[in-house]
Amino acid sequence: MSMNEREPVTEPTAKVSAAATQHDAAPMANPGSGPALALNGVSCWYGGFRAVRDVQLSIPRNKVTALIGPSGCGKSTLLRS
């Protein structure tokens, strides 16, 4: 699918997938050893348009990390979500 094609979606506006909002009940053994941020299956919609699709991302602690991509690909939407 090219970047300009849009998949029709019927989910409600501004929905974030359930995987992104659920937290583990048990705390991590050593919180300082895991990633600074971990995303698992994050999706975001604007009305019927899915702007971000099933993102898997782990950002390590104490490392410089950059999100790079073309205009309109969902970088800012991902960060805001």
PDB file of N, CA and C in Angstrom:
ATOM      1  N   MET A   1       0.848  -1.168   0.000  1.00  0.00           N
ATOM      2  CA  MET A   1       0.000   0.000   0.000  1.00  0.00           C
ATOM      3  C   MET A   1       0.894   1.232   0.000  1.00  0.00           C
ATOM      4  N   SER A   2       0.645   2.177  -0.893  1.00  0.00           N
ATOM      5  CA  SER A   2       1.455   3.384  -0.935  1.00  0.00           C
ATOM      6  C   SER A   2       1.056   4.331   0.192  1.00  0.00           C
ATOM      7  N   MET A   3       1.888   5.340   0.433  1.00  0.00           N
ATOM      8  CA  MET A   3       1.671   6.256   1.538  1.00  0.00           C
ATOM      9  C   MET A   3       0.382   7.058   1.371  1.00  0.00           C
ATOM     10  N   ASN A   4      -0.077   7.290   0.137  1.00  0.00           N
ATOM     11  CA  ASN A   4      -1.265   8.100  -0.105  1.00  0.00           C
ATOM     12  C   ASN A   4      -2.563   7.312  -0.034  1.00  0.00           C
ATOM     13  N   GLU A   5      -2.488   5.982  -0.058  1.00  0.00           N
ATOM     14  CA  GLU A   5      -3.698   5.171   0.035  1.00  0.00           C
ATOM     15  C   GLU A   5      -4.138   5.103   1.487  1.00  0.00           C
ATOM     16  N   ARG A   6      -5.458   5.138   1.712  1.00  0.00           N
ATOM     17  CA  ARG A   6      -5.976   5.101   3.068  1.00  0.00           C
ATOM     18  C   ARG A   6      -6.908   3.919   3.229  1.00  0.00           C
ATOM     19  N   GLU A   7      -6.693   3.185   4.302  1.00  0.00           N
ATOM     20  CA  GLU A   7      -7.512   2.019   4.601  1.00  0.00           C
ATOM     21  C   GLU A   7      -8.771   2.480   5.332  1.00  0.00           C
ATOM     22  N   PRO A   8      -9.981   2.122   4.856  1.00  0.00           N
ATOM     23  CA  PRO A   8     -11.193   2.522   5.582  1.00  0.00           C
ATOM     24  C   PRO A   8     -11.260   1.804   6.931  1.00  0.00           C
ATOM     25  N   VAL A   9     -11.541   2.565   7.957  1.00  0.00           N
ATOM     26  CA  VAL A   9     -11.618   2.036   9.315  1.00  0.00           C
ATOM     27  C   VAL A   9     -12.878   2.580   9.964  1.00  0.00           C
ATOM     28  N   THR A  10     -13.535   1.781  10.774  1.00  0.00           N
ATOM     29  CA  THR A  10     -14.790   2.212  11.395  1.00  0.00           C
ATOM     30  C   THR A  10     -14.659   2.493  12.880  1.00  0.00           C
ATOM     31  N   GLU A  11     -13.444   2.474  13.448  1.00  0.00           N
ATOM     32  CA  GLU A  11     -13.244   2.723  14.871  1.00  0.00           C
ATOM     33  C   GLU A  11     -13.546   4.184  15.201  1.00  0.00           C
ATOM     34  N   PRO A  12     -13.870   4.481  16.465  1.00  0.00           N
ATOM     35  CA  PRO A  12     -14.189   5.850  16.867  1.00  0.00           C
ATOM     36  C   PRO A  12     -12.972   6.775  16.832  1.00  0.00           C
ATOM     37  N   THR A  13     -13.236   8.086  16.871  1.00  0.00           N
ATOM     38  CA  THR A  13     -12.196   9.100  16.838  1.00  0.00           C
ATOM     39  C   THR A  13     -11.286   9.015  18.052  1.00  0.00           C
ATOM     40  N   ALA A  14      -9.992   9.265  17.844  1.00  0.00           N
ATOM     41  CA  ALA A  14      -8.985   9.358  18.904  1.00  0.00           C
ATOM     42  C   ALA A  14      -8.895   8.111  19.768  1.00  0.00           C
ATOM     43  N   LYS A  15      -9.074   6.968  19.186  1.00  0.00           N
ATOM     44  CA  LYS A  15      -8.967   5.713  19.932  1.00  0.00           C
ATOM     45  C   LYS A  15      -7.513   5.280  19.960  1.00  0.00           C
ATOM     46  N   VAL A  16      -7.055   4.854  21.118  1.00  0.00           N
ATOM     47  CA  VAL A  16      -5.740   4.244  21.263  1.00  0.00           C
ATOM     48  C   VAL A  16      -5.980   2.782  21.570  1.00  0.00           C
ATOM     49  N   SER A  17      -5.247   1.894  20.927  1.00  0.00           N
ATOM     50  CA  SER A  17      -5.496   0.467  21.094  1.00  0.00           C
ATOM     51  C   SER A  17      -5.377   0.038  22.551  1.00  0.00           C
ATOM     52  N   ALA A  18      -6.095  -1.002  22.924  1.00  0.00           N
ATOM     53  CA  ALA A  18      -6.114  -1.498  24.300  1.00  0.00           C
ATOM     54  C   ALA A  18      -4.728  -1.926  24.757  1.00  0.00           C
ATOM     55  N   ALA A  19      -3.925  -2.459  23.873  1.00  0.00           N
ATOM     56  CA  ALA A  19      -2.577  -2.902  24.252  1.00  0.00           C
ATOM     57  C   ALA A  19      -1.730  -1.732  24.744  1.00  0.00           C
ATOM     58  N   ALA A  20      -1.993  -0.543  24.228  1.00  0.00           N
ATOM     59  CA  ALA A  20      -1.206   0.620  24.625  1.00  0.00           C
ATOM     60  C   ALA A  20      -1.637   1.179  25.973  1.00  0.00           C
ATOM     61  N   THR A  21      -2.850   0.872  26.428  1.00  0.00           N
ATOM     62  CA  THR A  21      -3.352   1.459  27.667  1.00  0.00           C
ATOM     63  C   THR A  21      -3.323   0.498  28.843  1.00  0.00           C
ATOM     64  N   GLN A  22      -3.043  -0.777  28.625  1.00  0.00           N
ATOM     65  CA  GLN A  22      -3.018  -1.742  29.709  1.00  0.00           C
ATOM     66  C   GLN A  22      -1.654  -1.740  30.384  1.00  0.00           C
ATOM     67  N   HIS A  23      -1.672  -1.880  31.723  1.00  0.00           N
ATOM     68  CA  HIS A  23      -0.436  -1.931  32.495  1.00  0.00           C
ATOM     69  C   HIS A  23      -0.343  -3.282  33.173  1.00  0.00           C
ATOM     70  N   ASP A  24       0.870  -3.804  33.280  1.00  0.00           N
ATOM     71  CA  ASP A  24       1.078  -5.066  33.982  1.00  0.00           C
ATOM     72  C   ASP A  24       0.788  -4.862  35.458  1.00  0.00           C
ATOM     73  N   ALA A  25       0.140  -5.835  36.096  1.00  0.00           N
ATOM     74  CA  ALA A  25      -0.189  -5.746  37.511  1.00  0.00           C
ATOM     75  C   ALA A  25       1.064  -5.873  38.379  1.00  0.00           C
ATOM     76  N   ALA A  26       2.002  -6.707  37.997  1.00  0.00           N
ATOM     77  CA  ALA A  26       3.211  -6.923  38.788  1.00  0.00           C
ATOM     78  C   ALA A  26       4.288  -5.926  38.368  1.00  0.00           C
ATOM     79  N   PRO A  27       4.936  -5.251  39.334  1.00  0.00           N
ATOM     80  CA  PRO A  27       6.004  -4.311  38.973  1.00  0.00           C
ATOM     81  C   PRO A  27       7.228  -5.057  38.456  1.00  0.00           C
ATOM     82  N   MET A  28       8.058  -4.346  37.689  1.00  0.00           N
ATOM     83  CA  MET A  28       9.291  -4.933  37.179  1.00  0.00           C
ATOM     84  C   MET A  28      10.256  -5.147  38.338  1.00  0.00           C
ATOM     85  N   ALA A  29      11.101  -6.179  38.262  1.00  0.00           N
ATOM     86  CA  ALA A  29      12.048  -6.492  39.327  1.00  0.00           C
ATOM     87  C   ALA A  29      13.026  -5.335  39.551  1.00  0.00           C
ATOM     88  N   ASN A  30      13.558  -4.761  38.485  1.00  0.00           N
ATOM     89  CA  ASN A  30      14.462  -3.628  38.576  1.00  0.00           C
ATOM     90  C   ASN A  30      14.058  -2.625  37.507  1.00  0.00           C
ATOM     91  N   PRO A  31      13.224  -1.617  37.855  1.00  0.00           N
ATOM     92  CA  PRO A  31      12.703  -0.695  36.849  1.00  0.00           C
ATOM     93  C   PRO A  31      13.788   0.037  36.067  1.00  0.00           C
ATOM     94  N   GLY A  32      14.980   0.234  36.638  1.00  0.00           N
ATOM     95  CA  GLY A  32      16.051   0.937  35.952  1.00  0.00           C
ATOM     96  C   GLY A  32      16.713   0.130  34.850  1.00  0.00           C
ATOM     97  N   SER A  33      16.419  -1.170  34.749  1.00  0.00           N
ATOM     98  CA  SER A  33      17.079  -2.014  33.765  1.00  0.00           C
ATOM     99  C   SER A  33      16.293  -2.165  32.464  1.00  0.00           C
ATOM    100  N   GLY A  34      15.006  -1.838  32.472  1.00  0.00           N
ATOM    101  CA  GLY A  34      14.174  -1.986  31.277  1.00  0.00           C
ATOM    102  C   GLY A  34      14.272  -0.771  30.375  1.00  0.00           C
ATOM    103  N   PRO A  35      13.519  -0.776  29.285  1.00  0.00           N
ATOM    104  CA  PRO A  35      13.537   0.370  28.371  1.00  0.00           C
ATOM    105  C   PRO A  35      12.904   1.596  29.030  1.00  0.00           C
ATOM    106  N   ALA A  36      13.282   2.779  28.567  1.00  0.00           N
ATOM    107  CA  ALA A  36      12.682   4.020  29.054  1.00  0.00           C
ATOM    108  C   ALA A  36      11.231   4.110  28.591  1.00  0.00           C
ATOM    109  N   LEU A  37      10.952   3.593  27.405  1.00  0.00           N
ATOM    110  CA  LEU A  37       9.612   3.603  26.833  1.00  0.00           C
ATOM    111  C   LEU A  37       9.457   2.364  25.961  1.00  0.00           C
ATOM    112  N   ALA A  38       8.345   1.669  26.126  1.00  0.00           N
ATOM    113  CA  ALA A  38       8.067   0.500  25.288  1.00  0.00           C
ATOM    114  C   ALA A  38       6.635   0.602  24.779  1.00  0.00           C
ATOM    115  N   LEU A  39       6.454   0.495  23.475  1.00  0.00           N
ATOM    116  CA  LEU A  39       5.136   0.505  22.853  1.00  0.00           C
ATOM    117  C   LEU A  39       4.897  -0.860  22.230  1.00  0.00           C
ATOM    118  N   ASN A  40       3.677  -1.357  22.393  1.00  0.00           N
ATOM    119  CA  ASN A  40       3.346  -2.675  21.863  1.00  0.00           C
ATOM    120  C   ASN A  40       1.976  -2.619  21.195  1.00  0.00           C
ATOM    121  N   GLY A  41       1.949  -2.599  19.881  1.00  0.00           N
ATOM    122  CA  GLY A  41       0.694  -2.618  19.139  1.00  0.00           C
ATOM    123  C   GLY A  41      -0.098  -1.329  19.228  1.00  0.00           C
ATOM    124  N   VAL A  42       0.552  -0.166  19.255  1.00  0.00           N
ATOM    125  CA  VAL A  42      -0.139   1.125  19.371  1.00  0.00           C
ATOM    126  C   VAL A  42      -0.707   1.536  18.019  1.00  0.00           C
ATOM    127  N   SER A  43      -1.999   1.893  18.010  1.00  0.00           N
ATOM    128  CA  SER A  43      -2.661   2.433  16.822  1.00  0.00           C
ATOM    129  C   SER A  43      -3.447   3.667  17.233  1.00  0.00           C
ATOM    130  N   CYS A  44      -3.523   4.669  16.346  1.00  0.00           N
ATOM    131  CA  CYS A  44      -4.288   5.894  16.603  1.00  0.00           C
ATOM    132  C   CYS A  44      -5.132   6.218  15.382  1.00  0.00           C
ATOM    133  N   TRP A  45      -6.334   6.739  15.617  1.00  0.00           N
ATOM    134  CA  TRP A  45      -7.254   7.079  14.532  1.00  0.00           C
ATOM    135  C   TRP A  45      -7.650   8.541  14.596  1.00  0.00           C
ATOM    136  N   TYR A  46      -7.902   9.135  13.444  1.00  0.00           N
ATOM    137  CA  TYR A  46      -8.571  10.428  13.303  1.00  0.00           C
ATOM    138  C   TYR A  46      -9.872  10.114  12.588  1.00  0.00           C
ATOM    139  N   GLY A  47     -10.966  10.068  13.315  1.00  0.00           N
ATOM    140  CA  GLY A  47     -12.232   9.662  12.713  1.00  0.00           C
ATOM    141  C   GLY A  47     -12.109   8.247  12.199  1.00  0.00           C
ATOM    142  N   GLY A  48     -12.347   8.049  10.911  1.00  0.00           N
ATOM    143  CA  GLY A  48     -12.235   6.729  10.313  1.00  0.00           C
ATOM    144  C   GLY A  48     -10.872   6.447   9.707  1.00  0.00           C
ATOM    145  N   PHE A  49      -9.918   7.379   9.869  1.00  0.00           N
ATOM    146  CA  PHE A  49      -8.588   7.206   9.275  1.00  0.00           C
ATOM    147  C   PHE A  49      -7.590   6.759  10.335  1.00  0.00           C
ATOM    148  N   ARG A  50      -6.958   5.623  10.119  1.00  0.00           N
ATOM    149  CA  ARG A  50      -5.941   5.128  11.050  1.00  0.00           C
ATOM    150  C   ARG A  50      -4.619   5.778  10.687  1.00  0.00           C
ATOM    151  N   ALA A  51      -4.173   6.723  11.536  1.00  0.00           N
ATOM    152  CA  ALA A  51      -2.961   7.486  11.268  1.00  0.00           C
ATOM    153  C   ALA A  51      -1.702   6.742  11.690  1.00  0.00           C
ATOM    154  N   VAL A  52      -1.809   5.925  12.732  1.00  0.00           N
ATOM    155  CA  VAL A  52      -0.679   5.145  13.226  1.00  0.00           C
ATOM    156  C   VAL A  52      -1.151   3.709  13.340  1.00  0.00           C
ATOM    157  N   ARG A  53      -0.376   2.774  12.824  1.00  0.00           N
ATOM    158  CA  ARG A  53      -0.814   1.387  12.726  1.00  0.00           C
ATOM    159  C   ARG A  53       0.137   0.428  13.433  1.00  0.00           C
ATOM    160  N   ASP A  54      -0.324  -0.202  14.523  1.00  0.00           N
ATOM    161  CA  ASP A  54       0.364  -1.311  15.197  1.00  0.00           C
ATOM    162  C   ASP A  54       1.871  -1.082  15.413  1.00  0.00           C
ATOM    163  N   VAL A  55       2.208   0.002  16.081  1.00  0.00           N
ATOM    164  CA  VAL A  55       3.616   0.340  16.317  1.00  0.00           C
ATOM    165  C   VAL A  55       4.198  -0.510  17.444  1.00  0.00           C
ATOM    166  N   GLN A  56       5.351  -1.102  17.182  1.00  0.00           N
ATOM    167  CA  GLN A  56       6.162  -1.829  18.169  1.00  0.00           C
ATOM    168  C   GLN A  56       7.454  -1.033  18.295  1.00  0.00           C
ATOM    169  N   LEU A  57       7.741  -0.508  19.499  1.00  0.00           N
ATOM    170  CA  LEU A  57       8.924   0.328  19.655  1.00  0.00           C
ATOM    171  C   LEU A  57       9.436   0.219  21.074  1.00  0.00           C
ATOM    172  N   SER A  58      10.731   0.058  21.223  1.00  0.00           N
ATOM    173  CA  SER A  58      11.376   0.038  22.528  1.00  0.00           C
ATOM    174  C   SER A  58      12.515   1.055  22.496  1.00  0.00           C
ATOM    175  N   ILE A  59      12.456   2.047  23.388  1.00  0.00           N
ATOM    176  CA  ILE A  59      13.477   3.079  23.450  1.00  0.00           C
ATOM    177  C   ILE A  59      14.326   2.825  24.688  1.00  0.00           C
ATOM    178  N   PRO A  60      15.626   2.576  24.507  1.00  0.00           N
ATOM    179  CA  PRO A  60      16.487   2.257  25.650  1.00  0.00           C
ATOM    180  C   PRO A  60      16.746   3.477  26.530  1.00  0.00           C
ATOM    181  N   ARG A  61      17.053   3.210  27.789  1.00  0.00           N
ATOM    182  CA  ARG A  61      17.409   4.281  28.727  1.00  0.00           C
ATOM    183  C   ARG A  61      18.773   4.860  28.355  1.00  0.00           C
ATOM    184  N   ASN A  62      18.909   6.165  28.612  1.00  0.00           N
ATOM    185  CA  ASN A  62      20.192   6.864  28.473  1.00  0.00           C
ATOM    186  C   ASN A  62      20.805   6.759  27.075  1.00  0.00           C
ATOM    187  N   LYS A  63      19.954   6.702  26.053  1.00  0.00           N
ATOM    188  CA  LYS A  63      20.421   6.683  24.664  1.00  0.00           C
ATOM    189  C   LYS A  63      19.670   7.761  23.893  1.00  0.00           C
ATOM    190  N   VAL A  64      20.336   8.413  22.973  1.00  0.00           N
ATOM    191  CA  VAL A  64      19.684   9.376  22.097  1.00  0.00           C
ATOM    192  C   VAL A  64      18.909   8.592  21.048  1.00  0.00           C
ATOM    193  N   THR A  65      17.631   8.927  20.892  1.00  0.00           N
ATOM    194  CA  THR A  65      16.783   8.211  19.946  1.00  0.00           C
ATOM    195  C   THR A  65      16.050   9.224  19.065  1.00  0.00           C
ATOM    196  N   ALA A  66      15.956   8.958  17.773  1.00  0.00           N
ATOM    197  CA  ALA A  66      15.286   9.858  16.842  1.00  0.00           C
ATOM    198  C   ALA A  66      14.212   9.104  16.073  1.00  0.00           C
ATOM    199  N   LEU A  67      13.081   9.777  15.834  1.00  0.00           N
ATOM    200  CA  LEU A  67      12.048   9.263  14.934  1.00  0.00           C
ATOM    201  C   LEU A  67      12.213  10.013  13.627  1.00  0.00           C
ATOM    202  N   ILE A  68      12.503   9.289  12.575  1.00  0.00           N
ATOM    203  CA  ILE A  68      12.773   9.903  11.279  1.00  0.00           C
ATOM    204  C   ILE A  68      11.810   9.323  10.253  1.00  0.00           C
ATOM    205  N   GLY A  69      11.200  10.202   9.463  1.00  0.00           N
ATOM    206  CA  GLY A  69      10.305   9.750   8.409  1.00  0.00           C
ATOM    207  C   GLY A  69       9.776  10.932   7.628  1.00  0.00           C
ATOM    208  N   PRO A  70       9.090  10.656   6.525  1.00  0.00           N
ATOM    209  CA  PRO A  70       8.570  11.735   5.689  1.00  0.00           C
ATOM    210  C   PRO A  70       7.425  12.476   6.366  1.00  0.00           C
ATOM    211  N   SER A  71       7.148  13.659   5.881  1.00  0.00           N
ATOM    212  CA  SER A  71       6.042  14.461   6.385  1.00  0.00           C
ATOM    213  C   SER A  71       4.734  13.677   6.276  1.00  0.00           C
ATOM    214  N   GLY A  72       3.947  13.703   7.347  1.00  0.00           N
ATOM    215  CA  GLY A  72       2.641  13.061   7.316  1.00  0.00           C
ATOM    216  C   GLY A  72       2.639  11.569   7.615  1.00  0.00           C
ATOM    217  N   CYS A  73       3.765  11.018   8.081  1.00  0.00           N
ATOM    218  CA  CYS A  73       3.814   9.567   8.290  1.00  0.00           C
ATOM    219  C   CYS A  73       3.369   9.156   9.698  1.00  0.00           C
ATOM    220  N   GLY A  74       3.124  10.117  10.624  1.00  0.00           N
ATOM    221  CA  GLY A  74       2.606   9.780  11.944  1.00  0.00           C
ATOM    222  C   GLY A  74       3.579   9.942  13.094  1.00  0.00           C
ATOM    223  N   LYS A  75       4.725  10.549  12.856  1.00  0.00           N
ATOM    224  CA  LYS A  75       5.717  10.721  13.928  1.00  0.00           C
ATOM    225  C   LYS A  75       5.149  11.523  15.088  1.00  0.00           C
ATOM    226  N   SER A  76       4.612  12.686  14.815  1.00  0.00           N
ATOM    227  CA  SER A  76       4.069  13.554  15.877  1.00  0.00           C
ATOM    228  C   SER A  76       2.834  12.937  16.514  1.00  0.00           C
ATOM    229  N   THR A  77       2.008  12.302  15.734  1.00  0.00           N
ATOM    230  CA  THR A  77       0.822  11.642  16.287  1.00  0.00           C
ATOM    231  C   THR A  77       1.228  10.563  17.269  1.00  0.00           C
ATOM    232  N   LEU A  78       2.231   9.794  16.937  1.00  0.00           N
ATOM    233  CA  LEU A  78       2.730   8.765  17.828  1.00  0.00           C
ATOM    234  C   LEU A  78       3.244   9.374  19.131  1.00  0.00           C
ATOM    235  N   LEU A  79       4.028  10.434  19.037  1.00  0.00           N
ATOM    236  CA  LEU A  79       4.566  11.081  20.236  1.00  0.00           C
ATOM    237  C   LEU A  79       3.448  11.690  21.084  1.00  0.00           C
ATOM    238  N   ARG A  80       2.453  12.292  20.476  1.00  0.00           N
ATOM    239  CA  ARG A  80       1.351  12.881  21.243  1.00  0.00           C
ATOM    240  C   ARG A  80       0.475  11.840  21.905  1.00  0.00           C
ATOM    241  N   SER A  81       0.371  10.673  21.299  1.00  0.00           N
ATOM    242  CA  SER A  81      -0.511   9.652  21.870  1.00  0.00           C
ATOM    243  C   SER A  81       0.092   9.076  23.128  1.00  0.00           C
TER     244      SER A  81
END
